C-alpha cells in the first residue's frame, strides 16, 4: 500500500537517515511485480527508511524527482539522491543501491 499523504520536497531533502522513496501506483503491474524483489533486498537493510508514494498526474513530489515510469526507486543519503532504479528486474540491483546508502551494513 502506498502512502496517501505525500511529504513535501523540503521534508524529503531534510531527511538525515538513509531513505528509499518508491514511486508507484496501486494499479501498476510493474509495481506489483517488483514488490518481492524490493522486499528481498530490504531484508538485509533494516536501517534504511522506505517511503512508498502513490504517484500520478499532478502529484508534485514525483514531478520534482522527474519520475516518468513506475516503479521508480530513489535512494537518498542525507536527503541527496545517490542512485535511481526504474522498473528494477532483480533484487541484486536494489541490494547494490541500498549498500551505497546504508553505510553501517
N, C-alpha and C. Protein backbone atom coordinates (compact mmCIF):
# COMPACT_ATOMS: atom_id res chain seq x y z
N UNK A 1 0.84 -1.19 0.00
CA UNK A 1 0.00 0.00 0.00
C UNK A 1 0.88 1.24 0.00
N UNK A 2 0.57 2.16 -0.86
CA UNK A 2 1.32 3.40 -0.95
C UNK A 2 0.71 4.44 -0.01
N UNK A 3 1.55 5.34 0.44
CA UNK A 3 1.10 6.40 1.34
C UNK A 3 0.19 7.37 0.61
N UNK A 4 -0.92 7.70 1.23
CA UNK A 4 -1.82 8.70 0.66
C UNK A 4 -1.39 10.11 0.99
N UNK A 5 -0.53 10.24 2.01
CA UNK A 5 -0.04 11.56 2.42
C UNK A 5 1.34 11.75 1.82
N UNK A 6 1.42 12.71 0.94
CA UNK A 6 2.68 12.95 0.23
C UNK A 6 3.51 13.97 0.98
N UNK A 7 4.74 13.60 1.39
CA UNK A 7 5.60 14.59 2.04
C UNK A 7 6.03 15.67 1.03
N UNK A 8 6.44 16.80 1.55
CA UNK A 8 6.92 17.86 0.66
C UNK A 8 8.35 17.56 0.24
N UNK A 9 8.79 18.18 -0.82
CA UNK A 9 10.18 18.01 -1.26
C UNK A 9 11.14 18.51 -0.19
N UNK A 10 10.77 19.59 0.50
CA UNK A 10 11.62 20.12 1.57
C UNK A 10 11.77 19.09 2.69
N UNK A 11 10.69 18.39 3.03
CA UNK A 11 10.77 17.34 4.06
C UNK A 11 11.70 16.21 3.62
N UNK A 12 11.61 15.83 2.35
CA UNK A 12 12.48 14.77 1.82
C UNK A 12 13.94 15.23 1.84
N UNK A 13 14.19 16.44 1.36
CA UNK A 13 15.55 16.96 1.29
C UNK A 13 16.18 17.08 2.68
N UNK A 14 15.37 17.21 3.73
CA UNK A 14 15.86 17.38 5.09
C UNK A 14 16.12 16.04 5.80
N UNK A 15 15.79 14.93 5.17
CA UNK A 15 15.98 13.62 5.82
C UNK A 15 17.46 13.35 6.06
N UNK A 16 17.78 12.91 7.26
CA UNK A 16 19.17 12.59 7.62
C UNK A 16 19.47 11.12 7.39
N UNK A 17 18.51 10.24 7.69
CA UNK A 17 18.76 8.81 7.61
C UNK A 17 18.70 8.31 6.16
N UNK A 18 19.38 7.18 5.89
CA UNK A 18 19.30 6.62 4.54
C UNK A 18 17.85 6.25 4.24
N UNK A 19 17.38 6.66 3.07
CA UNK A 19 15.96 6.51 2.72
C UNK A 19 15.81 6.11 1.26
N UNK A 20 14.81 5.30 1.00
CA UNK A 20 14.40 4.99 -0.36
C UNK A 20 12.97 5.46 -0.53
N UNK A 21 12.76 6.24 -1.56
CA UNK A 21 11.40 6.64 -1.92
C UNK A 21 11.00 5.78 -3.11
N UNK A 22 9.90 5.09 -2.97
CA UNK A 22 9.38 4.24 -4.04
C UNK A 22 8.14 4.91 -4.62
N UNK A 23 8.25 5.35 -5.86
CA UNK A 23 7.11 5.94 -6.54
C UNK A 23 6.42 4.86 -7.36
N UNK A 24 5.11 4.77 -7.24
CA UNK A 24 4.36 3.77 -7.99
C UNK A 24 2.88 4.07 -7.92
N UNK A 25 2.09 3.10 -8.32
CA UNK A 25 0.64 3.23 -8.28
C UNK A 25 0.03 1.87 -7.98
N UNK A 26 -1.08 1.87 -7.26
CA UNK A 26 -1.70 0.62 -6.84
C UNK A 26 -2.18 -0.21 -8.03
N UNK A 27 -2.47 0.42 -9.15
CA UNK A 27 -2.94 -0.30 -10.33
C UNK A 27 -1.81 -0.70 -11.29
N UNK A 28 -0.56 -0.46 -10.90
CA UNK A 28 0.59 -0.68 -11.78
C UNK A 28 1.09 -2.12 -11.68
N UNK A 29 1.03 -2.86 -12.77
CA UNK A 29 1.51 -4.23 -12.81
C UNK A 29 3.01 -4.34 -12.57
N UNK A 30 3.78 -3.40 -13.11
CA UNK A 30 5.23 -3.41 -12.89
C UNK A 30 5.54 -3.23 -11.40
N UNK A 31 4.74 -2.39 -10.73
CA UNK A 31 4.94 -2.14 -9.30
C UNK A 31 4.67 -3.41 -8.50
N UNK A 32 3.59 -4.08 -8.81
CA UNK A 32 3.24 -5.32 -8.12
C UNK A 32 4.31 -6.38 -8.33
N UNK A 33 4.80 -6.50 -9.57
CA UNK A 33 5.82 -7.50 -9.88
C UNK A 33 7.13 -7.22 -9.15
N UNK A 34 7.43 -5.96 -8.87
CA UNK A 34 8.69 -5.59 -8.22
C UNK A 34 8.65 -5.78 -6.70
N UNK A 35 7.48 -5.90 -6.10
CA UNK A 35 7.38 -5.95 -4.63
C UNK A 35 8.20 -7.07 -3.99
N UNK A 36 8.17 -8.31 -4.50
CA UNK A 36 9.01 -9.35 -3.88
C UNK A 36 10.51 -9.04 -3.98
N UNK A 37 10.93 -8.42 -5.07
CA UNK A 37 12.34 -8.06 -5.25
C UNK A 37 12.74 -6.99 -4.25
N UNK A 38 11.89 -6.00 -4.09
CA UNK A 38 12.15 -4.91 -3.17
C UNK A 38 12.20 -5.44 -1.74
N UNK A 39 11.24 -6.28 -1.38
CA UNK A 39 11.19 -6.85 -0.02
C UNK A 39 12.44 -7.69 0.26
N UNK A 40 12.87 -8.47 -0.71
CA UNK A 40 14.06 -9.31 -0.52
C UNK A 40 15.30 -8.46 -0.28
N UNK A 41 15.46 -7.40 -1.05
CA UNK A 41 16.63 -6.53 -0.90
C UNK A 41 16.61 -5.78 0.42
N UNK A 42 15.44 -5.32 0.84
CA UNK A 42 15.34 -4.57 2.10
C UNK A 42 15.55 -5.46 3.31
N UNK A 43 15.40 -6.76 3.16
CA UNK A 43 15.56 -7.68 4.28
C UNK A 43 16.90 -7.54 4.98
N UNK A 44 17.94 -7.23 4.24
CA UNK A 44 19.27 -7.10 4.86
C UNK A 44 19.65 -5.64 5.13
N UNK A 45 18.69 -4.74 5.02
CA UNK A 45 18.96 -3.31 5.29
C UNK A 45 17.83 -2.71 6.14
N UNK A 46 17.65 -3.22 7.36
CA UNK A 46 16.54 -2.74 8.19
C UNK A 46 16.66 -1.28 8.64
N UNK A 47 17.86 -0.72 8.58
CA UNK A 47 18.05 0.68 8.98
C UNK A 47 17.54 1.67 7.93
N UNK A 48 17.40 1.22 6.70
CA UNK A 48 17.01 2.14 5.62
C UNK A 48 15.50 2.37 5.67
N UNK A 49 15.14 3.63 5.73
CA UNK A 49 13.73 4.01 5.71
C UNK A 49 13.17 3.82 4.31
N UNK A 50 11.95 3.30 4.22
CA UNK A 50 11.30 3.03 2.93
C UNK A 50 9.98 3.79 2.91
N UNK A 51 9.88 4.75 2.01
CA UNK A 51 8.66 5.55 1.87
C UNK A 51 8.04 5.22 0.52
N UNK A 52 6.83 4.70 0.55
CA UNK A 52 6.12 4.37 -0.69
C UNK A 52 5.13 5.50 -0.99
N UNK A 53 5.22 6.04 -2.19
CA UNK A 53 4.38 7.17 -2.59
C UNK A 53 3.50 6.77 -3.78
N UNK A 54 2.20 6.96 -3.61
CA UNK A 54 1.27 6.78 -4.72
C UNK A 54 1.47 7.96 -5.66
N UNK A 55 1.91 7.68 -6.88
CA UNK A 55 2.25 8.73 -7.84
C UNK A 55 1.16 8.81 -8.90
N UNK A 56 1.15 9.88 -9.63
CA UNK A 56 0.19 10.06 -10.71
C UNK A 56 0.19 11.50 -11.18
N UNK A 57 -0.67 11.79 -12.15
CA UNK A 57 -0.75 13.15 -12.68
C UNK A 57 -1.03 14.16 -11.57
N UNK A 58 -0.30 15.26 -11.62
CA UNK A 58 -0.50 16.33 -10.67
C UNK A 58 0.13 16.11 -9.31
N UNK A 59 0.83 15.00 -9.12
CA UNK A 59 1.49 14.75 -7.84
C UNK A 59 2.87 15.42 -7.88
N UNK A 60 3.05 16.40 -7.05
CA UNK A 60 4.24 17.27 -7.12
C UNK A 60 5.55 16.57 -6.78
N UNK A 61 5.53 15.69 -5.79
CA UNK A 61 6.79 15.07 -5.36
C UNK A 61 7.39 14.24 -6.49
N UNK A 62 6.58 13.44 -7.15
CA UNK A 62 7.07 12.65 -8.28
C UNK A 62 7.61 13.53 -9.40
N UNK A 63 6.93 14.63 -9.65
CA UNK A 63 7.40 15.53 -10.71
C UNK A 63 8.71 16.19 -10.31
N UNK A 64 8.88 16.50 -9.01
CA UNK A 64 10.11 17.15 -8.58
C UNK A 64 11.32 16.23 -8.76
N UNK A 65 11.08 14.90 -8.76
CA UNK A 65 12.14 13.94 -9.00
C UNK A 65 12.18 13.47 -10.46
N UNK A 66 11.33 14.07 -11.29
CA UNK A 66 11.24 13.73 -12.73
C UNK A 66 10.94 12.25 -12.96
N UNK A 67 10.03 11.71 -12.14
CA UNK A 67 9.60 10.32 -12.29
C UNK A 67 8.73 10.19 -13.52
N UNK A 68 9.07 9.24 -14.39
CA UNK A 68 8.31 9.03 -15.63
C UNK A 68 7.68 7.65 -15.69
N UNK A 69 8.35 6.63 -15.11
CA UNK A 69 7.86 5.26 -15.14
C UNK A 69 7.78 4.72 -13.72
N UNK A 70 6.90 3.76 -13.51
CA UNK A 70 6.75 3.12 -12.19
C UNK A 70 7.18 1.67 -12.28
N UNK A 71 7.66 1.10 -11.21
CA UNK A 71 8.11 1.82 -10.04
C UNK A 71 9.46 2.48 -10.28
N UNK A 72 9.66 3.61 -9.64
CA UNK A 72 10.96 4.27 -9.60
C UNK A 72 11.40 4.33 -8.15
N UNK A 73 12.60 3.82 -7.89
CA UNK A 73 13.17 3.85 -6.55
C UNK A 73 14.26 4.91 -6.52
N UNK A 74 14.13 5.86 -5.59
CA UNK A 74 15.12 6.92 -5.41
C UNK A 74 15.84 6.62 -4.10
N UNK A 75 17.15 6.44 -4.16
CA UNK A 75 17.97 6.12 -3.00
C UNK A 75 18.64 7.40 -2.51
N UNK A 76 18.36 7.77 -1.26
CA UNK A 76 18.83 9.04 -0.71
C UNK A 76 19.78 8.82 0.46
N UNK A 77 20.84 9.59 0.49
CA UNK A 77 21.74 9.66 1.64
C UNK A 77 21.76 11.12 2.08
N UNK A 78 21.34 11.38 3.30
CA UNK A 78 21.24 12.73 3.85
C UNK A 78 20.46 13.66 2.93
N UNK A 79 19.35 13.14 2.41
CA UNK A 79 18.43 13.93 1.59
C UNK A 79 18.87 14.14 0.15
N UNK A 80 20.00 13.59 -0.24
CA UNK A 80 20.51 13.76 -1.62
C UNK A 80 20.41 12.45 -2.38
N UNK A 81 19.98 12.54 -3.64
CA UNK A 81 19.86 11.35 -4.47
C UNK A 81 21.24 10.77 -4.78
N UNK A 82 21.40 9.48 -4.49
CA UNK A 82 22.66 8.77 -4.73
C UNK A 82 22.50 7.82 -5.91
N UNK A 83 21.33 7.22 -6.01
CA UNK A 83 21.07 6.22 -7.05
C UNK A 83 19.58 6.24 -7.37
N UNK A 84 19.25 5.74 -8.58
CA UNK A 84 17.87 5.66 -9.02
C UNK A 84 17.72 4.37 -9.82
N UNK A 85 16.67 3.63 -9.53
CA UNK A 85 16.36 2.43 -10.31
C UNK A 85 14.93 2.57 -10.83
N UNK A 86 14.78 2.34 -12.13
CA UNK A 86 13.47 2.40 -12.76
C UNK A 86 13.11 0.99 -13.21
N UNK A 87 11.95 0.54 -12.74
CA UNK A 87 11.47 -0.81 -13.05
C UNK A 87 12.53 -1.88 -12.82
N UNK A 88 13.03 -1.99 -11.59
CA UNK A 88 14.06 -2.99 -11.31
C UNK A 88 13.54 -4.39 -11.59
N UNK A 89 14.42 -5.23 -12.15
CA UNK A 89 14.00 -6.58 -12.51
C UNK A 89 14.73 -7.65 -11.73
N UNK A 90 15.65 -7.25 -10.83
CA UNK A 90 16.28 -8.23 -9.96
C UNK A 90 16.67 -7.58 -8.64
N UNK A 91 16.67 -8.37 -7.59
CA UNK A 91 16.93 -7.83 -6.25
C UNK A 91 18.38 -7.43 -6.07
N UNK A 92 19.30 -7.99 -6.87
CA UNK A 92 20.72 -7.64 -6.68
C UNK A 92 20.99 -6.17 -7.02
N UNK A 93 20.32 -5.62 -8.02
CA UNK A 93 20.50 -4.20 -8.35
C UNK A 93 19.98 -3.33 -7.20
N UNK A 94 18.87 -3.73 -6.61
CA UNK A 94 18.32 -2.99 -5.47
C UNK A 94 19.26 -3.11 -4.28
N UNK A 95 19.78 -4.31 -4.06
CA UNK A 95 20.72 -4.56 -2.96
C UNK A 95 21.97 -3.70 -3.11
N UNK A 96 22.51 -3.60 -4.32
CA UNK A 96 23.71 -2.79 -4.55
C UNK A 96 23.45 -1.32 -4.27
N UNK A 97 22.29 -0.83 -4.69
CA UNK A 97 21.94 0.57 -4.44
C UNK A 97 21.74 0.82 -2.96
N UNK A 98 21.10 -0.12 -2.27
CA UNK A 98 20.91 0.01 -0.81
C UNK A 98 22.25 0.05 -0.10
N UNK A 99 23.20 -0.76 -0.54
CA UNK A 99 24.52 -0.80 0.10
C UNK A 99 25.23 0.55 -0.03
N UNK A 100 24.94 1.30 -1.08
CA UNK A 100 25.57 2.62 -1.26
C UNK A 100 25.11 3.62 -0.20
N UNK A 101 23.86 3.48 0.26
CA UNK A 101 23.35 4.47 1.22
C UNK A 101 23.36 3.95 2.64
N UNK A 102 23.42 2.65 2.84
CA UNK A 102 23.39 2.06 4.19
C UNK A 102 24.83 1.76 4.60
N UNK A 103 25.52 2.79 5.04
CA UNK A 103 26.96 2.67 5.32
C UNK A 103 27.26 1.80 6.54
N UNK A 104 26.27 1.54 7.37
CA UNK A 104 26.51 0.70 8.55
C UNK A 104 26.27 -0.77 8.27
N UNK A 105 25.93 -1.12 7.03
CA UNK A 105 25.64 -2.53 6.72
C UNK A 105 26.90 -3.35 6.59
